[in-house]
Amino acid sequence: MSSTTDKKAAKPAAKKADPAPKTASKDAKPTSKEAKAKAAKKSVVKGTHSTSRRKIKTKPRFYRPKTLILPKAPKYPRKSIPTTQRMDQYRTIISPLNTESAMKKIEGHNTLVFIVDIKANKRHIKDAVKKLYDVSAVKVNTLIRPDGKKKAYVKLSPEHDALDVANKIGFI
């Protein structure tokens, strides 16, 4: 009999009246503003990078990803003075050559002959002749002599005479 009395005792008591009536905002469905606010809160809590798909690797080698490289902003200059140009016209042309064969070139082929710096190239020589003697060169041929010096044959344009330039330089 005890089992029947337990069942009767387990019955819930009569419903009590609510102490305070519920407000309309809690009972009613949330408005669109409230729904947007809750969605925004949820996305802020969740974060933007919380769910991401892993890229499927198809190659066995790992390549380091490119990251942000900021431009250098030094606090002080690393050199006290800027470097000067290594090959100016005064260093390029060392001296004019006035041997017998060079004189034949001046008279017959409208060509000046110079001893030049070993590191000078044809463009350096052409620019140096233009700056120093105000003549335009058509062609520059170079060779390195057996004594280790570089010789340059500078063919002048037809409007400039090599003999006049040689007189102006002062080696004739």
N, C-alpha and C. Protein backbone atom coordinates (compact mmCIF):
# COMPACT_ATOMS: atom_id res chain seq x y z
N MET A 1 0.80 -1.19 0.00
CA MET A 1 0.00 0.00 0.00
C MET A 1 0.84 1.24 0.00
N SER A 2 1.97 1.06 0.42
CA SER A 2 2.85 2.22 0.52
C SER A 2 3.13 2.79 -0.86
N SER A 3 3.12 1.94 -1.87
CA SER A 3 3.41 2.44 -3.22
C SER A 3 2.29 3.34 -3.71
N THR A 4 1.06 3.07 -3.32
CA THR A 4 -0.05 3.91 -3.74
C THR A 4 -0.04 5.23 -3.00
N THR A 5 0.34 5.19 -1.76
CA THR A 5 0.38 6.45 -1.01
C THR A 5 1.50 7.34 -1.51
N ASP A 6 2.59 6.71 -1.98
CA ASP A 6 3.70 7.50 -2.52
C ASP A 6 3.27 8.22 -3.79
N LYS A 7 2.44 7.53 -4.59
CA LYS A 7 2.01 8.16 -5.83
C LYS A 7 1.11 9.35 -5.54
N LYS A 8 0.27 9.20 -4.56
CA LYS A 8 -0.60 10.32 -4.23
C LYS A 8 0.18 11.48 -3.66
N ALA A 9 1.19 11.15 -2.91
CA ALA A 9 2.00 12.21 -2.30
C ALA A 9 2.84 12.92 -3.35
N ALA A 10 3.17 12.22 -4.41
CA ALA A 10 4.03 12.80 -5.45
C ALA A 10 3.26 13.73 -6.36
N LYS A 11 1.96 13.77 -6.26
CA LYS A 11 1.19 14.65 -7.11
C LYS A 11 1.54 16.10 -6.79
N PRO A 12 1.59 16.89 -7.83
CA PRO A 12 1.94 18.29 -7.59
C PRO A 12 0.82 19.02 -6.87
N ALA A 13 1.24 19.98 -6.16
CA ALA A 13 0.27 20.77 -5.42
C ALA A 13 -0.45 21.69 -6.39
N ALA A 14 -1.45 22.33 -5.95
CA ALA A 14 -2.22 23.23 -6.80
C ALA A 14 -1.33 24.39 -7.23
N LYS A 15 -1.61 24.92 -8.45
CA LYS A 15 -0.79 26.00 -8.98
C LYS A 15 -0.96 27.24 -8.14
N LYS A 16 0.21 27.86 -7.90
CA LYS A 16 0.17 29.11 -7.16
C LYS A 16 0.02 30.24 -8.15
N ALA A 17 -0.53 31.29 -7.71
CA ALA A 17 -0.66 32.47 -8.56
C ALA A 17 0.70 33.14 -8.70
N ASP A 18 0.98 33.67 -9.89
CA ASP A 18 2.28 34.35 -10.12
C ASP A 18 2.35 35.59 -9.24
N PRO A 19 3.55 35.80 -8.64
CA PRO A 19 3.66 36.96 -7.77
C PRO A 19 3.52 38.28 -8.51
N ALA A 20 4.05 38.35 -9.74
CA ALA A 20 3.95 39.61 -10.49
C ALA A 20 3.63 39.27 -11.93
N PRO A 21 2.82 40.03 -12.56
CA PRO A 21 2.52 39.75 -13.97
C PRO A 21 3.73 40.03 -14.85
N LYS A 22 3.92 39.19 -15.89
CA LYS A 22 5.08 39.37 -16.78
C LYS A 22 4.86 40.60 -17.64
N THR A 23 6.02 41.24 -17.98
CA THR A 23 5.92 42.44 -18.81
C THR A 23 5.71 42.03 -20.25
N ALA A 24 5.26 42.95 -21.03
CA ALA A 24 4.92 42.66 -22.42
C ALA A 24 6.17 42.40 -23.26
N SER A 25 7.32 43.05 -22.94
CA SER A 25 8.52 42.93 -23.76
C SER A 25 9.13 41.54 -23.66
N LYS A 26 8.97 40.89 -22.47
CA LYS A 26 9.55 39.56 -22.31
C LYS A 26 8.66 38.50 -22.96
N ASP A 27 7.37 38.71 -22.95
CA ASP A 27 6.46 37.74 -23.52
C ASP A 27 6.45 37.81 -25.05
N ALA A 28 6.49 39.01 -25.56
CA ALA A 28 6.36 39.20 -27.00
C ALA A 28 7.64 38.76 -27.73
N LYS A 29 7.52 38.54 -29.05
CA LYS A 29 8.68 38.17 -29.85
C LYS A 29 9.62 39.38 -29.93
N PRO A 30 10.92 39.14 -30.04
CA PRO A 30 11.84 40.28 -30.11
C PRO A 30 11.63 41.06 -31.41
N THR A 31 11.79 42.37 -31.30
CA THR A 31 11.61 43.22 -32.47
C THR A 31 12.83 43.10 -33.38
N SER A 32 12.75 43.73 -34.53
CA SER A 32 13.84 43.61 -35.49
C SER A 32 15.12 44.27 -34.96
N LYS A 33 15.01 45.34 -34.23
CA LYS A 33 16.19 46.00 -33.66
C LYS A 33 16.87 45.10 -32.65
N GLU A 34 16.04 44.46 -31.82
CA GLU A 34 16.61 43.55 -30.82
C GLU A 34 17.27 42.35 -31.48
N ALA A 35 16.67 41.85 -32.54
CA ALA A 35 17.23 40.70 -33.26
C ALA A 35 18.57 41.08 -33.89
N LYS A 36 18.64 42.29 -34.46
CA LYS A 36 19.90 42.75 -35.05
C LYS A 36 20.97 42.92 -33.99
N ALA A 37 20.58 43.45 -32.85
CA ALA A 37 21.54 43.66 -31.76
C ALA A 37 22.06 42.33 -31.25
N LYS A 38 21.17 41.34 -31.11
CA LYS A 38 21.60 40.02 -30.64
C LYS A 38 22.53 39.36 -31.67
N ALA A 39 22.22 39.52 -32.95
CA ALA A 39 23.06 38.95 -34.01
C ALA A 39 24.44 39.61 -34.00
N ALA A 40 24.46 40.92 -33.79
CA ALA A 40 25.73 41.64 -33.74
C ALA A 40 26.54 41.20 -32.54
N LYS A 41 25.87 41.01 -31.39
CA LYS A 41 26.57 40.55 -30.19
C LYS A 41 27.16 39.17 -30.41
N LYS A 42 26.36 38.33 -31.06
CA LYS A 42 26.82 36.96 -31.31
C LYS A 42 28.04 36.95 -32.23
N SER A 43 28.02 37.80 -33.26
CA SER A 43 29.15 37.83 -34.19
C SER A 43 30.39 38.43 -33.53
N VAL A 44 30.21 39.39 -32.63
CA VAL A 44 31.36 39.98 -31.92
C VAL A 44 31.98 38.95 -30.98
N VAL A 45 31.13 38.22 -30.27
CA VAL A 45 31.64 37.20 -29.34
C VAL A 45 32.32 36.08 -30.11
N LYS A 46 31.71 35.69 -31.22
CA LYS A 46 32.25 34.59 -32.02
C LYS A 46 33.55 35.01 -32.71
N GLY A 47 33.61 36.22 -33.22
CA GLY A 47 34.79 36.69 -33.93
C GLY A 47 34.70 36.38 -35.41
N THR A 48 35.52 37.04 -36.20
CA THR A 48 35.44 36.85 -37.65
C THR A 48 36.29 35.70 -38.12
N HIS A 49 37.33 35.34 -37.37
CA HIS A 49 38.26 34.31 -37.82
C HIS A 49 38.09 33.00 -37.07
N SER A 50 36.96 32.80 -36.41
CA SER A 50 36.82 31.60 -35.59
C SER A 50 36.61 30.36 -36.44
N THR A 51 35.90 30.49 -37.52
CA THR A 51 35.70 29.32 -38.38
C THR A 51 36.36 29.58 -39.72
N SER A 52 37.33 28.77 -40.06
CA SER A 52 37.97 28.91 -41.36
C SER A 52 38.27 27.52 -41.88
N ARG A 53 38.19 27.41 -43.18
CA ARG A 53 38.47 26.11 -43.79
C ARG A 53 39.96 25.99 -44.00
N ARG A 54 40.49 24.83 -43.77
CA ARG A 54 41.90 24.58 -43.99
C ARG A 54 42.14 24.36 -45.47
N LYS A 55 43.19 24.98 -45.97
CA LYS A 55 43.55 24.80 -47.37
C LYS A 55 44.16 23.42 -47.53
N ILE A 56 43.76 22.74 -48.57
CA ILE A 56 44.29 21.40 -48.81
C ILE A 56 45.66 21.54 -49.46
N LYS A 57 46.66 20.97 -48.82
CA LYS A 57 48.03 21.03 -49.34
C LYS A 57 48.21 19.93 -50.37
N THR A 58 48.69 20.30 -51.54
CA THR A 58 48.89 19.32 -52.60
C THR A 58 50.36 19.05 -52.86
N LYS A 59 51.25 19.86 -52.28
CA LYS A 59 52.68 19.68 -52.50
C LYS A 59 53.36 19.37 -51.16
N PRO A 60 54.42 18.60 -51.20
CA PRO A 60 55.08 18.25 -49.94
C PRO A 60 55.93 19.38 -49.36
N ARG A 61 56.26 20.38 -50.16
CA ARG A 61 57.12 21.46 -49.69
C ARG A 61 56.29 22.58 -49.08
N PHE A 62 56.79 23.15 -47.98
CA PHE A 62 56.10 24.27 -47.32
C PHE A 62 56.72 25.57 -47.78
N TYR A 63 55.90 26.48 -48.26
CA TYR A 63 56.37 27.80 -48.64
C TYR A 63 55.90 28.79 -47.60
N ARG A 64 56.84 29.55 -47.06
CA ARG A 64 56.52 30.52 -46.02
C ARG A 64 55.62 31.61 -46.61
N PRO A 65 54.54 31.96 -45.92
CA PRO A 65 53.63 32.96 -46.48
C PRO A 65 54.27 34.35 -46.50
N LYS A 66 53.85 35.13 -47.47
CA LYS A 66 54.34 36.50 -47.58
C LYS A 66 53.69 37.33 -46.47
N THR A 67 54.50 38.06 -45.75
CA THR A 67 53.99 38.90 -44.67
C THR A 67 54.25 40.36 -45.00
N LEU A 68 53.76 41.23 -44.18
CA LEU A 68 53.89 42.67 -44.41
C LEU A 68 55.33 43.11 -44.26
N ILE A 69 55.86 43.79 -45.27
CA ILE A 69 57.21 44.33 -45.22
C ILE A 69 57.09 45.85 -45.21
N LEU A 70 57.42 46.45 -44.09
CA LEU A 70 57.31 47.90 -43.96
C LEU A 70 58.54 48.57 -44.54
N PRO A 71 58.39 49.79 -45.08
CA PRO A 71 59.57 50.49 -45.59
C PRO A 71 60.48 50.91 -44.45
N LYS A 72 61.77 51.01 -44.75
CA LYS A 72 62.72 51.37 -43.71
C LYS A 72 62.58 52.84 -43.35
N ALA A 73 62.65 53.14 -42.08
CA ALA A 73 62.60 54.51 -41.60
C ALA A 73 63.75 54.69 -40.62
N PRO A 74 64.97 54.92 -41.13
CA PRO A 74 66.12 54.98 -40.23
C PRO A 74 66.09 56.21 -39.33
N LYS A 75 66.64 56.05 -38.15
CA LYS A 75 66.68 57.15 -37.19
C LYS A 75 67.82 58.13 -37.50
N TYR A 76 68.87 57.63 -38.14
CA TYR A 76 70.00 58.49 -38.50
C TYR A 76 70.63 57.96 -39.78
N PRO A 77 71.31 58.80 -40.57
CA PRO A 77 71.93 58.32 -41.80
C PRO A 77 73.12 57.41 -41.49
N ARG A 78 73.27 56.34 -42.27
CA ARG A 78 74.34 55.39 -42.04
C ARG A 78 75.68 55.88 -42.59
N LYS A 79 75.64 56.84 -43.50
CA LYS A 79 76.87 57.44 -44.04
C LYS A 79 76.88 58.91 -43.68
N SER A 80 78.05 59.42 -43.29
CA SER A 80 78.12 60.83 -42.90
C SER A 80 78.02 61.74 -44.11
N ILE A 81 78.64 61.36 -45.22
CA ILE A 81 78.53 62.15 -46.46
C ILE A 81 78.15 61.22 -47.60
N PRO A 82 77.38 61.70 -48.57
CA PRO A 82 77.03 60.84 -49.70
C PRO A 82 78.26 60.55 -50.56
N THR A 83 78.26 59.37 -51.17
CA THR A 83 79.40 59.00 -51.99
C THR A 83 79.39 59.78 -53.30
N THR A 84 80.58 60.11 -53.79
CA THR A 84 80.70 60.81 -55.06
C THR A 84 80.80 59.80 -56.18
N GLN A 85 80.60 60.28 -57.39
CA GLN A 85 80.65 59.39 -58.54
C GLN A 85 82.08 58.91 -58.74
N ARG A 86 82.24 57.61 -58.93
CA ARG A 86 83.59 57.04 -59.02
C ARG A 86 84.24 57.34 -60.36
N MET A 87 83.46 57.37 -61.42
CA MET A 87 84.02 57.57 -62.75
C MET A 87 83.56 58.92 -63.31
N ASP A 88 84.26 59.99 -63.00
CA ASP A 88 83.95 61.26 -63.63
C ASP A 88 84.87 61.43 -64.83
N GLN A 89 84.67 62.51 -65.59
CA GLN A 89 85.43 62.68 -66.83
C GLN A 89 86.92 62.87 -66.59
N TYR A 90 87.31 63.41 -65.44
CA TYR A 90 88.72 63.65 -65.16
C TYR A 90 89.46 62.36 -64.79
N ARG A 91 88.72 61.42 -64.23
CA ARG A 91 89.34 60.13 -63.92
C ARG A 91 89.32 59.20 -65.14
N THR A 92 88.32 59.36 -66.00
CA THR A 92 88.19 58.47 -67.15
C THR A 92 89.35 58.67 -68.12
N ILE A 93 89.57 59.91 -68.55
CA ILE A 93 90.66 60.19 -69.50
C ILE A 93 91.90 60.59 -68.72
N ILE A 94 92.94 59.77 -68.84
CA ILE A 94 94.19 60.06 -68.12
C ILE A 94 95.04 61.04 -68.92
N SER A 95 95.29 60.73 -70.19
CA SER A 95 96.12 61.63 -71.02
C SER A 95 95.89 61.31 -72.49
N PRO A 96 96.12 62.33 -73.36
CA PRO A 96 96.08 62.04 -74.80
C PRO A 96 97.40 61.38 -75.21
N LEU A 97 97.36 60.60 -76.26
CA LEU A 97 98.55 59.89 -76.73
C LEU A 97 99.03 60.58 -78.00
N ASN A 98 100.31 60.92 -78.05
CA ASN A 98 100.82 61.62 -79.23
C ASN A 98 102.03 60.90 -79.82
N THR A 99 101.84 59.63 -80.10
CA THR A 99 102.88 58.88 -80.80
C THR A 99 102.72 59.10 -82.31
N GLU A 100 103.64 58.55 -83.08
CA GLU A 100 103.60 58.74 -84.53
C GLU A 100 102.34 58.10 -85.14
N SER A 101 102.00 56.91 -84.67
CA SER A 101 100.79 56.25 -85.19
C SER A 101 99.54 57.01 -84.76
N ALA A 102 99.55 57.59 -83.58
CA ALA A 102 98.40 58.39 -83.12
C ALA A 102 98.25 59.64 -83.96
N MET A 103 99.38 60.24 -84.36
CA MET A 103 99.31 61.44 -85.21
C MET A 103 98.73 61.10 -86.59
N LYS A 104 99.06 59.91 -87.10
CA LYS A 104 98.49 59.48 -88.38
C LYS A 104 96.97 59.33 -88.26
N LYS A 105 96.52 58.79 -87.13
CA LYS A 105 95.08 58.65 -86.89
C LYS A 105 94.40 60.01 -86.84
N ILE A 106 95.04 60.97 -86.19
CA ILE A 106 94.46 62.31 -86.07
C ILE A 106 94.33 62.94 -87.46
N GLU A 107 95.36 62.87 -88.26
CA GLU A 107 95.36 63.52 -89.57
C GLU A 107 94.52 62.76 -90.60
N GLY A 108 94.64 61.43 -90.62
CA GLY A 108 94.00 60.66 -91.68
C GLY A 108 92.59 60.20 -91.38
N HIS A 109 92.29 59.84 -90.15
CA HIS A 109 91.00 59.20 -89.83
C HIS A 109 90.10 60.03 -88.91
N ASN A 110 90.50 61.27 -88.60
CA ASN A 110 89.71 62.15 -87.72
C ASN A 110 89.44 61.47 -86.37
N THR A 111 90.50 60.86 -85.82
CA THR A 111 90.39 60.07 -84.60
C THR A 111 91.41 60.55 -83.57
N LEU A 112 90.96 60.74 -82.33
CA LEU A 112 91.85 61.08 -81.22
C LEU A 112 92.18 59.80 -80.45
N VAL A 113 93.40 59.75 -79.91
CA VAL A 113 93.83 58.57 -79.17
C VAL A 113 94.14 59.00 -77.74
N PHE A 114 93.58 58.27 -76.75
CA PHE A 114 93.75 58.60 -75.34
C PHE A 114 94.18 57.38 -74.55
N ILE A 115 94.91 57.61 -73.47
CA ILE A 115 95.10 56.59 -72.43
C ILE A 115 93.99 56.84 -71.42
N VAL A 116 93.21 55.79 -71.13
CA VAL A 116 92.05 55.94 -70.25
C VAL A 116 92.17 55.00 -69.07
N ASP A 117 91.30 55.21 -68.09
CA ASP A 117 91.26 54.35 -66.91
C ASP A 117 90.87 52.93 -67.31
N ILE A 118 91.46 51.95 -66.66
CA ILE A 118 91.23 50.55 -67.01
C ILE A 118 89.78 50.13 -66.77
N LYS A 119 89.09 50.78 -65.84
CA LYS A 119 87.71 50.42 -65.52
C LYS A 119 86.68 51.18 -66.35
N ALA A 120 87.13 52.14 -67.17
CA ALA A 120 86.20 52.93 -67.98
C ALA A 120 85.70 52.11 -69.16
N ASN A 121 84.41 52.23 -69.45
CA ASN A 121 83.87 51.57 -70.64
C ASN A 121 83.67 52.59 -71.75
N LYS A 122 83.18 52.13 -72.88
CA LYS A 122 83.08 53.01 -74.06
C LYS A 122 82.12 54.17 -73.84
N ARG A 123 81.05 53.92 -73.12
CA ARG A 123 80.11 55.01 -72.83
C ARG A 123 80.74 56.07 -71.95
N HIS A 124 81.52 55.63 -70.93
CA HIS A 124 82.21 56.60 -70.06
C HIS A 124 83.17 57.46 -70.89
N ILE A 125 83.90 56.82 -71.79
CA ILE A 125 84.90 57.54 -72.61
C ILE A 125 84.20 58.54 -73.52
N LYS A 126 83.12 58.12 -74.16
CA LYS A 126 82.38 59.00 -75.07
C LYS A 126 81.83 60.22 -74.34
N ASP A 127 81.26 60.00 -73.14
CA ASP A 127 80.73 61.11 -72.34
C ASP A 127 81.83 62.04 -71.86
N ALA A 128 82.97 61.48 -71.47
CA ALA A 128 84.09 62.29 -70.98
C ALA A 128 84.65 63.19 -72.08
N VAL A 129 84.79 62.66 -73.30
CA VAL A 129 85.28 63.47 -74.43
C VAL A 129 84.31 64.59 -74.73
N LYS A 130 83.01 64.29 -74.66
CA LYS A 130 81.99 65.32 -74.92
C LYS A 130 82.05 66.43 -73.88
N LYS A 131 82.22 66.06 -72.59
CA LYS A 131 82.25 67.07 -71.52
C LYS A 131 83.53 67.88 -71.52
N LEU A 132 84.67 67.22 -71.74
CA LEU A 132 85.95 67.92 -71.63
C LEU A 132 86.26 68.78 -72.85
N TYR A 133 85.98 68.27 -74.05
CA TYR A 133 86.44 68.96 -75.26
C TYR A 133 85.32 69.47 -76.13
N ASP A 134 84.06 69.31 -75.74
CA ASP A 134 82.89 69.81 -76.46
C ASP A 134 82.84 69.30 -77.90
N VAL A 135 83.13 68.03 -78.11
CA VAL A 135 83.03 67.41 -79.42
C VAL A 135 82.21 66.14 -79.28
N SER A 136 81.52 65.78 -80.35
CA SER A 136 80.72 64.56 -80.30
C SER A 136 81.48 63.43 -80.96
N ALA A 137 81.50 62.30 -80.30
CA ALA A 137 82.19 61.12 -80.81
C ALA A 137 81.19 60.22 -81.53
N VAL A 138 81.61 59.70 -82.66
CA VAL A 138 80.77 58.79 -83.42
C VAL A 138 80.98 57.37 -82.92
N LYS A 139 82.24 57.02 -82.64
CA LYS A 139 82.58 55.64 -82.33
C LYS A 139 83.78 55.62 -81.40
N VAL A 140 83.82 54.65 -80.51
CA VAL A 140 84.95 54.48 -79.60
C VAL A 140 85.42 53.03 -79.67
N ASN A 141 86.70 52.85 -79.95
CA ASN A 141 87.32 51.53 -79.91
C ASN A 141 88.33 51.51 -78.77
N THR A 142 88.39 50.42 -78.05
CA THR A 142 89.33 50.33 -76.93
C THR A 142 90.16 49.07 -77.04
N LEU A 143 91.36 49.13 -76.45
CA LEU A 143 92.20 47.95 -76.32
C LEU A 143 93.05 48.10 -75.07
N ILE A 144 93.47 46.98 -74.53
CA ILE A 144 94.35 47.00 -73.36
C ILE A 144 95.75 46.66 -73.84
N ARG A 145 96.68 47.56 -73.57
CA ARG A 145 98.06 47.38 -74.02
C ARG A 145 98.77 46.33 -73.18
N PRO A 146 99.90 45.81 -73.66
CA PRO A 146 100.64 44.80 -72.88
C PRO A 146 101.15 45.32 -71.53
N ASP A 147 101.32 46.64 -71.41
CA ASP A 147 101.76 47.18 -70.11
C ASP A 147 100.60 47.35 -69.13
N GLY A 148 99.37 46.98 -69.53
CA GLY A 148 98.23 46.99 -68.63
C GLY A 148 97.40 48.25 -68.69
N LYS A 149 97.75 49.22 -69.54
CA LYS A 149 96.96 50.46 -69.68
C LYS A 149 95.96 50.30 -70.80
N LYS A 150 94.85 51.01 -70.69
CA LYS A 150 93.81 50.94 -71.72
C LYS A 150 93.95 52.12 -72.66
N LYS A 151 93.88 51.82 -73.95
CA LYS A 151 93.99 52.85 -74.98
C LYS A 151 92.63 52.96 -75.67
N ALA A 152 92.20 54.19 -75.96
CA ALA A 152 90.90 54.42 -76.61
C ALA A 152 91.09 55.22 -77.88
N TYR A 153 90.52 54.74 -78.98
CA TYR A 153 90.48 55.46 -80.24
C TYR A 153 89.08 56.07 -80.35
N VAL A 154 89.02 57.41 -80.35
CA VAL A 154 87.74 58.11 -80.38
C VAL A 154 87.58 58.77 -81.74
N LYS A 155 86.67 58.23 -82.57
CA LYS A 155 86.41 58.80 -83.90
C LYS A 155 85.41 59.92 -83.73
N LEU A 156 85.79 61.11 -84.21
CA LEU A 156 84.93 62.28 -84.07
C LEU A 156 83.97 62.39 -85.24
N SER A 157 82.89 63.13 -85.01
CA SER A 157 81.90 63.35 -86.07
C SER A 157 82.51 64.24 -87.14
N PRO A 158 81.98 64.20 -88.37
CA PRO A 158 82.58 64.97 -89.47
C PRO A 158 82.58 66.48 -89.25
N GLU A 159 81.67 67.01 -88.43
CA GLU A 159 81.66 68.48 -88.22
C GLU A 159 82.79 68.96 -87.31
N HIS A 160 83.45 68.04 -86.59
CA HIS A 160 84.59 68.39 -85.73
C HIS A 160 85.87 67.83 -86.36
N ASP A 161 86.92 68.66 -86.35
CA ASP A 161 88.20 68.24 -86.89
C ASP A 161 89.11 67.80 -85.75
N ALA A 162 89.67 66.61 -85.84
CA ALA A 162 90.52 66.07 -84.77
C ALA A 162 91.80 66.90 -84.62
N LEU A 163 92.31 67.47 -85.72
CA LEU A 163 93.53 68.28 -85.66
C LEU A 163 93.29 69.56 -84.86
N ASP A 164 92.12 70.19 -85.06
CA ASP A 164 91.78 71.40 -84.29
C ASP A 164 91.62 71.07 -82.80
N VAL A 165 90.98 69.95 -82.50
CA VAL A 165 90.78 69.56 -81.10
C VAL A 165 92.14 69.26 -80.45
N ALA A 166 93.04 68.61 -81.21
CA ALA A 166 94.36 68.29 -80.67
C ALA A 166 95.16 69.58 -80.41
N ASN A 167 95.03 70.57 -81.25
CA ASN A 167 95.68 71.86 -81.03
C ASN A 167 95.09 72.55 -79.79
N LYS A 168 93.77 72.45 -79.65
CA LYS A 168 93.09 73.06 -78.49
C LYS A 168 93.54 72.39 -77.19
N ILE A 169 93.72 71.07 -77.23
CA ILE A 169 94.20 70.34 -76.04
C ILE A 169 95.64 70.76 -75.76
N GLY A 170 96.44 70.90 -76.79
CA GLY A 170 97.80 71.38 -76.63
C GLY A 170 98.87 70.31 -76.71
N PHE A 171 98.62 69.21 -77.42
CA PHE A 171 99.70 68.22 -77.53
C PHE A 171 100.27 68.15 -78.96
N ILE A 172 99.88 69.09 -79.83
CA ILE A 172 100.52 69.17 -81.15
C ILE A 172 101.32 70.47 -81.19
